[in-house]
N, C-alpha and C. Protein backbone atom coordinates (compact mmCIF):
# COMPACT_ATOMS: atom_id res chain seq x y z
N UNK A 1 0.86 -1.27 -0.04
CA UNK A 1 0.48 -0.15 -0.01
C UNK A 1 1.12 1.19 0.08
N UNK A 2 0.44 2.55 -0.72
CA UNK A 2 1.27 3.32 -0.85
C UNK A 2 0.36 4.96 -0.42
N UNK A 3 0.66 5.45 0.26
CA UNK A 3 -0.12 6.73 0.92
C UNK A 3 1.19 7.74 0.90
N UNK A 4 0.99 8.65 -0.44
CA UNK A 4 2.27 9.79 -0.98
C UNK A 4 3.34 9.16 -1.07
N UNK A 5 4.15 9.58 -0.23
CA UNK A 5 5.54 9.11 -0.28
C UNK A 5 6.07 7.49 1.06
N UNK A 6 4.82 7.41 1.42
CA UNK A 6 4.71 6.38 2.28
C UNK A 6 4.32 5.15 1.93
N UNK A 7 5.37 4.19 2.13
CA UNK A 7 4.72 2.85 1.08
C UNK A 7 5.00 1.66 2.62
N UNK A 8 3.92 0.82 2.51
CA UNK A 8 4.17 0.20 3.16
C UNK A 8 2.88 -1.06 3.54
N UNK A 9 2.76 -2.10 4.48
CA UNK A 9 1.48 -2.69 4.30
C UNK A 9 0.32 -1.80 5.17
N UNK A 10 -0.94 -1.82 5.41
CA UNK A 10 -2.16 -1.10 5.93
C UNK A 10 -1.68 -1.11 7.64
N UNK A 11 -1.21 -2.09 8.16
CA UNK A 11 -0.63 -2.08 9.64
C UNK A 11 0.23 -0.93 9.59
N UNK A 12 1.48 -0.96 8.98
CA UNK A 12 2.34 -0.30 9.32
C UNK A 12 1.87 1.32 9.07
N UNK A 13 1.79 1.55 8.38
CA UNK A 13 1.32 2.99 7.81
C UNK A 13 0.18 3.26 8.88
N UNK A 14 -0.69 2.40 9.61
CA UNK A 14 -1.60 3.11 10.50
C UNK A 14 -0.78 2.99 11.76
N UNK A 15 0.25 1.83 12.07
CA UNK A 15 0.98 2.37 12.95
C UNK A 15 1.83 3.42 13.04
N UNK A 16 2.30 4.02 11.68
CA UNK A 16 2.96 5.09 11.62
C UNK A 16 2.49 6.12 12.03
N UNK A 17 1.17 6.74 11.32
CA UNK A 17 0.55 8.13 11.79
C UNK A 17 0.13 7.53 13.49
N UNK A 18 -0.48 6.71 13.78
CA UNK A 18 -1.11 6.77 15.22
C UNK A 18 -0.12 6.95 16.17
N UNK A 19 1.13 6.53 15.91
CA UNK A 19 2.37 6.11 16.75
C UNK A 19 3.07 7.44 17.10
N UNK A 20 2.83 8.96 15.92
CA UNK A 20 3.16 9.96 15.91
C UNK A 20 1.71 10.94 16.67
N UNK A 21 0.82 10.61 17.29
CA UNK A 21 -0.16 11.17 17.69
C UNK A 21 -1.18 11.62 16.26
N UNK A 22 -0.98 11.09 15.63
CA UNK A 22 -2.12 11.56 14.42
C UNK A 22 -3.44 10.97 14.04
N UNK A 23 -4.48 11.40 13.62
CA UNK A 23 -5.41 10.50 13.23
C UNK A 23 -5.59 10.08 11.94
N UNK A 24 -5.88 8.90 11.56
CA UNK A 24 -5.95 8.63 10.25
C UNK A 24 -7.22 9.24 9.54
N UNK A 25 -8.15 9.18 10.11
CA UNK A 25 -9.20 9.78 9.62
C UNK A 25 -8.94 11.69 8.90
N UNK A 26 -8.33 11.75 9.80
CA UNK A 26 -7.58 13.33 9.11
C UNK A 26 -7.18 13.44 7.87
N UNK A 27 -6.32 12.04 7.19
CA UNK A 27 -5.97 12.18 5.93
C UNK A 27 -6.43 11.63 5.05
N UNK A 28 -7.71 10.51 5.19
CA UNK A 28 -8.09 9.96 4.32
C UNK A 28 -9.65 10.06 4.04
N UNK A 29 -9.93 10.39 2.96
CA UNK A 29 -11.48 10.79 2.94
C UNK A 29 -11.92 9.94 1.83
N UNK A 30 -13.05 9.63 2.03
CA UNK A 30 -14.14 8.57 1.64
C UNK A 30 -14.76 9.16 0.20
N UNK A 31 -14.66 8.76 -0.82
CA UNK A 31 -14.94 9.18 -2.02
C UNK A 31 -16.39 9.58 -2.36
N UNK A 32 -17.06 10.54 -2.93
CA UNK A 32 -18.43 10.80 -2.88
C UNK A 32 -18.90 9.57 -3.51
N UNK A 33 -20.03 9.64 -2.89
CA UNK A 33 -21.47 8.63 -3.53
C UNK A 33 -21.65 9.32 -5.35
N UNK A 34 -21.80 8.61 -5.96
CA UNK A 34 -22.18 9.16 -7.44
C UNK A 34 -23.86 9.62 -7.02
N UNK A 35 -24.13 10.43 -7.91
CA UNK A 35 -25.78 11.09 -7.57
C UNK A 35 -26.34 9.72 -8.31
N UNK A 36 -27.73 9.41 -8.02
CA UNK A 36 -28.54 8.13 -8.70
C UNK A 36 -29.10 9.29 -9.59
N UNK A 37 -28.95 8.13 -11.02
CA UNK A 37 -29.57 8.67 -12.16
C UNK A 37 -31.01 9.12 -12.13
N UNK A 38 -31.72 8.37 -11.32
CA UNK A 38 -33.37 9.06 -11.07
C UNK A 38 -33.51 10.22 -10.84
N UNK A 39 -32.24 11.28 -10.31
CA UNK A 39 -32.51 12.62 -9.82
C UNK A 39 -32.04 13.28 -11.39
N UNK A 40 -31.76 12.55 -12.41
CA UNK A 40 -31.86 13.44 -13.43
C UNK A 40 -32.85 13.02 -14.68
N UNK A 41 -33.05 11.67 -14.53
CA UNK A 41 -34.80 11.22 -15.07
C UNK A 41 -35.83 12.15 -14.71
N UNK A 42 -36.24 12.36 -13.45
CA UNK A 42 -37.39 12.97 -13.24
C UNK A 42 -37.47 14.54 -13.72
N UNK A 43 -36.44 15.39 -13.36
CA UNK A 43 -36.68 16.91 -13.87
C UNK A 43 -36.53 16.76 -15.46
N UNK A 44 -35.68 15.54 -16.27
CA UNK A 44 -35.80 15.85 -17.48
C UNK A 44 -37.06 15.46 -18.06
N UNK A 45 -38.01 14.47 -17.39
CA UNK A 45 -39.28 14.07 -17.99
C UNK A 45 -40.23 15.46 -17.65
N UNK A 46 -40.30 16.12 -16.33
CA UNK A 46 -40.94 17.15 -16.22
C UNK A 46 -40.83 17.94 -17.33
N UNK A 47 -39.60 18.46 -17.79
CA UNK A 47 -39.07 19.45 -18.69
C UNK A 47 -39.64 19.07 -20.09
N UNK A 48 -39.45 17.73 -20.62
CA UNK A 48 -40.10 17.24 -22.00
C UNK A 48 -41.53 17.37 -21.46
N UNK A 49 -41.88 16.73 -20.48
CA UNK A 49 -43.83 17.49 -20.58
C UNK A 49 -43.98 18.56 -20.73
N UNK A 50 -43.30 19.68 -19.84
CA UNK A 50 -43.65 21.08 -19.95
C UNK A 50 -43.51 21.42 -21.52
N UNK A 51 -42.64 21.00 -22.01
CA UNK A 51 -42.45 21.74 -23.29
C UNK A 51 -43.59 20.98 -24.25
N UNK A 52 -43.64 19.70 -23.93
CA UNK A 52 -44.99 19.11 -24.79
C UNK A 52 -46.38 20.03 -24.55
N UNK A 53 -46.41 20.17 -23.51
CA UNK A 53 -47.74 20.62 -23.29
C UNK A 53 -48.05 22.07 -23.74
N UNK A 54 -46.84 23.05 -23.72
CA UNK A 54 -47.00 24.55 -24.04
C UNK A 54 -46.74 23.92 -25.70
N UNK A 55 -46.59 23.54 -26.36
CA UNK A 55 -46.28 23.05 -27.61
C UNK A 55 -47.46 22.42 -28.09
N UNK A 56 -48.18 21.65 -27.75
CA UNK A 56 -49.41 21.03 -28.29
C UNK A 56 -50.59 21.35 -27.81
N UNK A 57 -50.51 22.14 -27.01
CA UNK A 57 -51.96 22.90 -26.61
C UNK A 57 -51.67 24.61 -26.46
N UNK A 58 -51.98 24.72 -27.73
CA UNK A 58 -52.27 26.38 -27.98
C UNK A 58 -53.36 27.19 -27.45
N UNK A 59 -54.50 26.48 -26.85
CA UNK A 59 -55.78 26.98 -26.45
C UNK A 59 -55.59 27.23 -24.82
N UNK A 60 -54.73 26.87 -24.12
CA UNK A 60 -54.38 27.19 -22.64
C UNK A 60 -54.56 28.51 -22.44
N UNK A 61 -55.24 28.53 -21.04
CA UNK A 61 -55.18 30.16 -20.58
C UNK A 61 -53.55 30.48 -20.42
N UNK A 62 -53.54 31.80 -20.33
CA UNK A 62 -52.69 32.53 -19.95
C UNK A 62 -51.89 32.37 -18.92
N UNK A 63 -52.90 32.10 -17.61
CA UNK A 63 -52.23 31.50 -16.58
C UNK A 63 -51.82 30.21 -16.68
N UNK A 64 -52.46 29.07 -16.96
CA UNK A 64 -51.71 27.90 -17.42
C UNK A 64 -50.39 27.75 -18.25
N UNK A 65 -50.34 28.47 -18.94
CA UNK A 65 -49.49 28.62 -19.79
C UNK A 65 -47.99 29.19 -18.94
N UNK A 66 -48.32 30.12 -18.11
CA UNK A 66 -47.40 30.72 -17.25
C UNK A 66 -46.93 29.80 -16.08
N UNK A 67 -47.98 28.87 -15.72
CA UNK A 67 -47.52 27.51 -14.52
C UNK A 67 -46.90 26.76 -15.07
N UNK A 68 -47.24 26.27 -16.45
CA UNK A 68 -46.33 25.52 -17.29
C UNK A 68 -44.79 25.63 -17.40
N UNK A 69 -44.90 27.25 -17.66
CA UNK A 69 -43.44 27.53 -18.10
C UNK A 69 -42.58 27.37 -17.05
N UNK A 70 -43.24 27.83 -15.88
CA UNK A 70 -42.10 28.26 -14.74
C UNK A 70 -41.96 26.43 -13.85
N UNK A 71 -43.01 25.82 -14.19
CA UNK A 71 -42.72 24.40 -13.78
C UNK A 71 -41.48 23.72 -14.70
N UNK A 72 -41.66 23.86 -16.25
CA UNK A 72 -40.19 23.57 -16.99
C UNK A 72 -38.99 24.15 -16.88
N UNK A 73 -39.06 25.74 -16.35
CA UNK A 73 -37.80 26.05 -15.51
C UNK A 73 -37.40 25.83 -14.31
N UNK A 74 -38.05 25.20 -13.54
CA UNK A 74 -37.88 25.06 -12.05
C UNK A 74 -37.13 23.30 -12.35
N UNK A 75 -37.73 22.96 -13.26
CA UNK A 75 -37.41 21.53 -13.66
C UNK A 75 -35.92 21.60 -14.34
N UNK A 76 -35.81 22.80 -15.26
CA UNK A 76 -34.38 22.94 -15.48
C UNK A 76 -33.84 23.25 -14.73
N UNK A 77 -33.67 24.17 -13.58
CA UNK A 77 -32.92 24.35 -12.48
C UNK A 77 -32.27 23.38 -11.89
N UNK A 78 -33.62 22.29 -11.63
CA UNK A 78 -33.33 20.97 -11.10
C UNK A 78 -32.16 19.88 -11.64
N UNK A 79 -32.64 20.05 -12.90
CA UNK A 79 -31.55 19.47 -14.12
C UNK A 79 -30.42 19.89 -14.08
N UNK A 80 -30.04 21.22 -13.70
CA UNK A 80 -28.75 21.67 -13.81
C UNK A 80 -27.97 21.81 -12.29
N UNK A 81 -28.72 21.72 -11.50
CA UNK A 81 -28.15 21.64 -10.26
C UNK A 81 -27.82 19.86 -10.04
N UNK A 82 -28.83 18.92 -10.40
CA UNK A 82 -27.76 17.74 -10.58
C UNK A 82 -27.02 17.57 -11.65
N UNK A 83 -27.03 18.25 -12.77
CA UNK A 83 -25.92 17.94 -13.48
C UNK A 83 -24.39 18.63 -12.83
N UNK A 84 -24.76 19.68 -11.85
CA UNK A 84 -23.60 20.17 -11.38
C UNK A 84 -22.86 19.23 -10.57
N UNK A 85 -24.04 18.42 -9.65
CA UNK A 85 -23.53 17.62 -8.94
C UNK A 85 -22.95 16.21 -9.20
N UNK A 86 -23.20 16.16 -10.81
CA UNK A 86 -22.71 14.64 -11.14
C UNK A 86 -21.39 14.80 -11.79
N UNK A 87 -21.30 16.09 -12.75
CA UNK A 87 -20.10 16.41 -13.46
C UNK A 87 -18.96 17.81 -12.80
N UNK A 88 -19.59 18.13 -11.63
CA UNK A 88 -18.94 19.22 -10.69
C UNK A 88 -17.96 19.93 -12.02
N UNK A 89 -18.86 20.75 -12.71
CA UNK A 89 -18.34 21.52 -13.85
C UNK A 89 -19.65 22.73 -13.95
N UNK A 90 -19.16 23.91 -13.73
CA UNK A 90 -19.98 25.07 -13.42
C UNK A 90 -20.26 25.45 -15.24
N UNK A 91 -19.28 25.31 -15.95
CA UNK A 91 -19.90 25.73 -17.27
C UNK A 91 -20.66 24.42 -18.05
N UNK A 92 -21.12 23.36 -17.49
CA UNK A 92 -22.00 22.43 -18.46
C UNK A 92 -23.45 22.70 -17.12
N UNK A 93 -23.51 23.33 -16.32
CA UNK A 93 -24.56 23.27 -15.45
C UNK A 93 -25.10 24.64 -15.84
N UNK A 94 -24.51 25.83 -16.60
CA UNK A 94 -24.75 26.81 -16.81
C UNK A 94 -25.35 26.70 -18.27
N UNK A 95 -24.49 25.78 -18.85
CA UNK A 95 -25.28 25.65 -20.67
C UNK A 95 -26.29 24.60 -20.47
N UNK A 96 -26.72 23.94 -19.61
CA UNK A 96 -27.91 23.40 -19.51
C UNK A 96 -28.84 24.07 -19.29
N UNK A 97 -28.74 25.13 -18.13
CA UNK A 97 -29.80 26.03 -17.71
C UNK A 97 -30.42 26.94 -18.76
N UNK A 98 -28.93 27.55 -19.51
CA UNK A 98 -29.03 28.33 -20.67
C UNK A 98 -29.93 27.57 -21.49
N UNK A 99 -29.58 26.46 -21.99
CA UNK A 99 -30.55 25.40 -23.37
C UNK A 99 -32.04 25.40 -22.72
N UNK A 100 -32.36 25.13 -21.59
CA UNK A 100 -33.82 25.29 -20.73
C UNK A 100 -34.34 26.45 -21.16
N UNK A 101 -33.44 27.43 -20.52
CA UNK A 101 -34.23 28.54 -21.00
C UNK A 101 -34.86 29.05 -22.18
N UNK A 102 -33.84 28.85 -23.22
CA UNK A 102 -34.18 29.14 -24.57
C UNK A 102 -34.96 27.89 -25.43
N UNK A 103 -35.17 26.89 -25.09
CA UNK A 103 -36.11 25.84 -25.33
C UNK A 103 -37.70 26.13 -24.82
N UNK A 104 -37.56 26.79 -23.01
CA UNK A 104 -38.95 27.00 -22.96
C UNK A 104 -39.56 28.37 -23.57
N UNK A 105 -38.75 29.33 -23.89
CA UNK A 105 -39.04 30.15 -24.40
C UNK A 105 -39.34 29.92 -25.76
N UNK A 106 -39.15 28.75 -26.50
CA UNK A 106 -39.50 28.69 -27.89
C UNK A 106 -40.76 28.30 -27.70
N UNK A 107 -40.81 27.09 -26.63
CA UNK A 107 -42.13 26.57 -26.66
C UNK A 107 -43.08 27.48 -26.23
N UNK A 108 -43.12 28.44 -25.25
CA UNK A 108 -44.17 29.45 -25.10
C UNK A 108 -44.46 29.92 -26.26
N UNK A 109 -43.85 30.76 -26.98
CA UNK A 109 -44.05 31.14 -28.22
C UNK A 109 -43.37 32.53 -28.51
N UNK A 110 -42.72 32.92 -27.12
CA UNK A 110 -42.25 34.30 -27.22
C UNK A 110 -40.95 34.43 -27.87
N UNK A 111 -40.21 33.25 -28.49
CA UNK A 111 -39.18 33.27 -29.62
C UNK A 111 -39.42 32.43 -30.52
N UNK A 112 -39.10 32.80 -31.60
CA UNK A 112 -39.04 31.48 -32.58
C UNK A 112 -37.59 30.75 -32.91
N UNK A 113 -37.76 29.48 -33.37
CA UNK A 113 -36.47 29.00 -33.50
C UNK A 113 -35.68 29.66 -34.68
N UNK A 114 -36.03 30.74 -35.42
CA UNK A 114 -35.08 31.51 -36.37
C UNK A 114 -34.56 32.27 -35.61
N UNK A 115 -35.32 33.37 -34.75
CA UNK A 115 -34.74 33.87 -33.91
C UNK A 115 -33.43 33.76 -33.21
N UNK A 116 -33.71 32.60 -32.79
CA UNK A 116 -32.37 31.74 -31.78
C UNK A 116 -31.21 31.85 -33.04
N UNK A 117 -31.48 31.45 -33.90
CA UNK A 117 -30.56 31.28 -34.96
C UNK A 117 -29.60 32.75 -35.32
N UNK A 118 -30.83 33.46 -35.64
CA UNK A 118 -30.19 34.91 -35.91
C UNK A 118 -29.27 35.53 -35.12
N UNK A 119 -29.80 35.32 -33.50
CA UNK A 119 -29.14 35.99 -32.50
C UNK A 119 -27.67 35.12 -32.37
N UNK A 120 -27.87 34.15 -32.60
CA UNK A 120 -26.42 33.16 -32.61
C UNK A 120 -25.36 33.72 -33.29
N UNK A 121 -26.03 33.93 -34.80
CA UNK A 121 -24.91 34.45 -35.81
C UNK A 121 -24.84 35.74 -35.68
N UNK A 122 -25.58 36.74 -35.13
CA UNK A 122 -25.02 38.05 -34.48
C UNK A 122 -24.01 37.57 -33.67
N UNK A 123 -24.06 37.13 -32.71
CA UNK A 123 -22.96 36.99 -31.07
C UNK A 123 -21.76 36.30 -31.85
N UNK A 124 -21.91 35.58 -32.73
CA UNK A 124 -20.63 35.03 -33.57
C UNK A 124 -19.79 36.08 -34.35
N UNK A 125 -20.77 36.79 -34.83
CA UNK A 125 -20.10 37.84 -36.03
C UNK A 125 -19.17 38.91 -35.29
N UNK A 126 -20.04 39.57 -33.90
CA UNK A 126 -19.70 40.40 -32.83
C UNK A 126 -18.25 39.84 -32.75
N UNK A 127 -17.82 39.09 -32.25
CA UNK A 127 -16.72 38.43 -31.69
C UNK A 127 -15.62 38.26 -32.46
């Protein structure tokens, strides 16, 4: 067994650390438990359901559309947080949240897909 520059049997390393008045728990960490896939599936399903309801039910009242839009955004935030916990990457979590926001705006009818393409082209040309 090797820990850093120390090498020996587990008993030798434990004895060396404890003989010097140190606690082995201060130097060893348990690895984090991976997040269960269900925590990604539930917000994804809610997001797809919100998107489908907004797209395929144009006769809903304004209040119902607002509620479904907010439900979709909240599930997107939940998905973004779970993605951050899974990958430990702020950029991935931010990208997920940004894409969710854009998709929900298109589903609500605030933006058209061509508007998204035009805005992306404009941003690329400005750089």
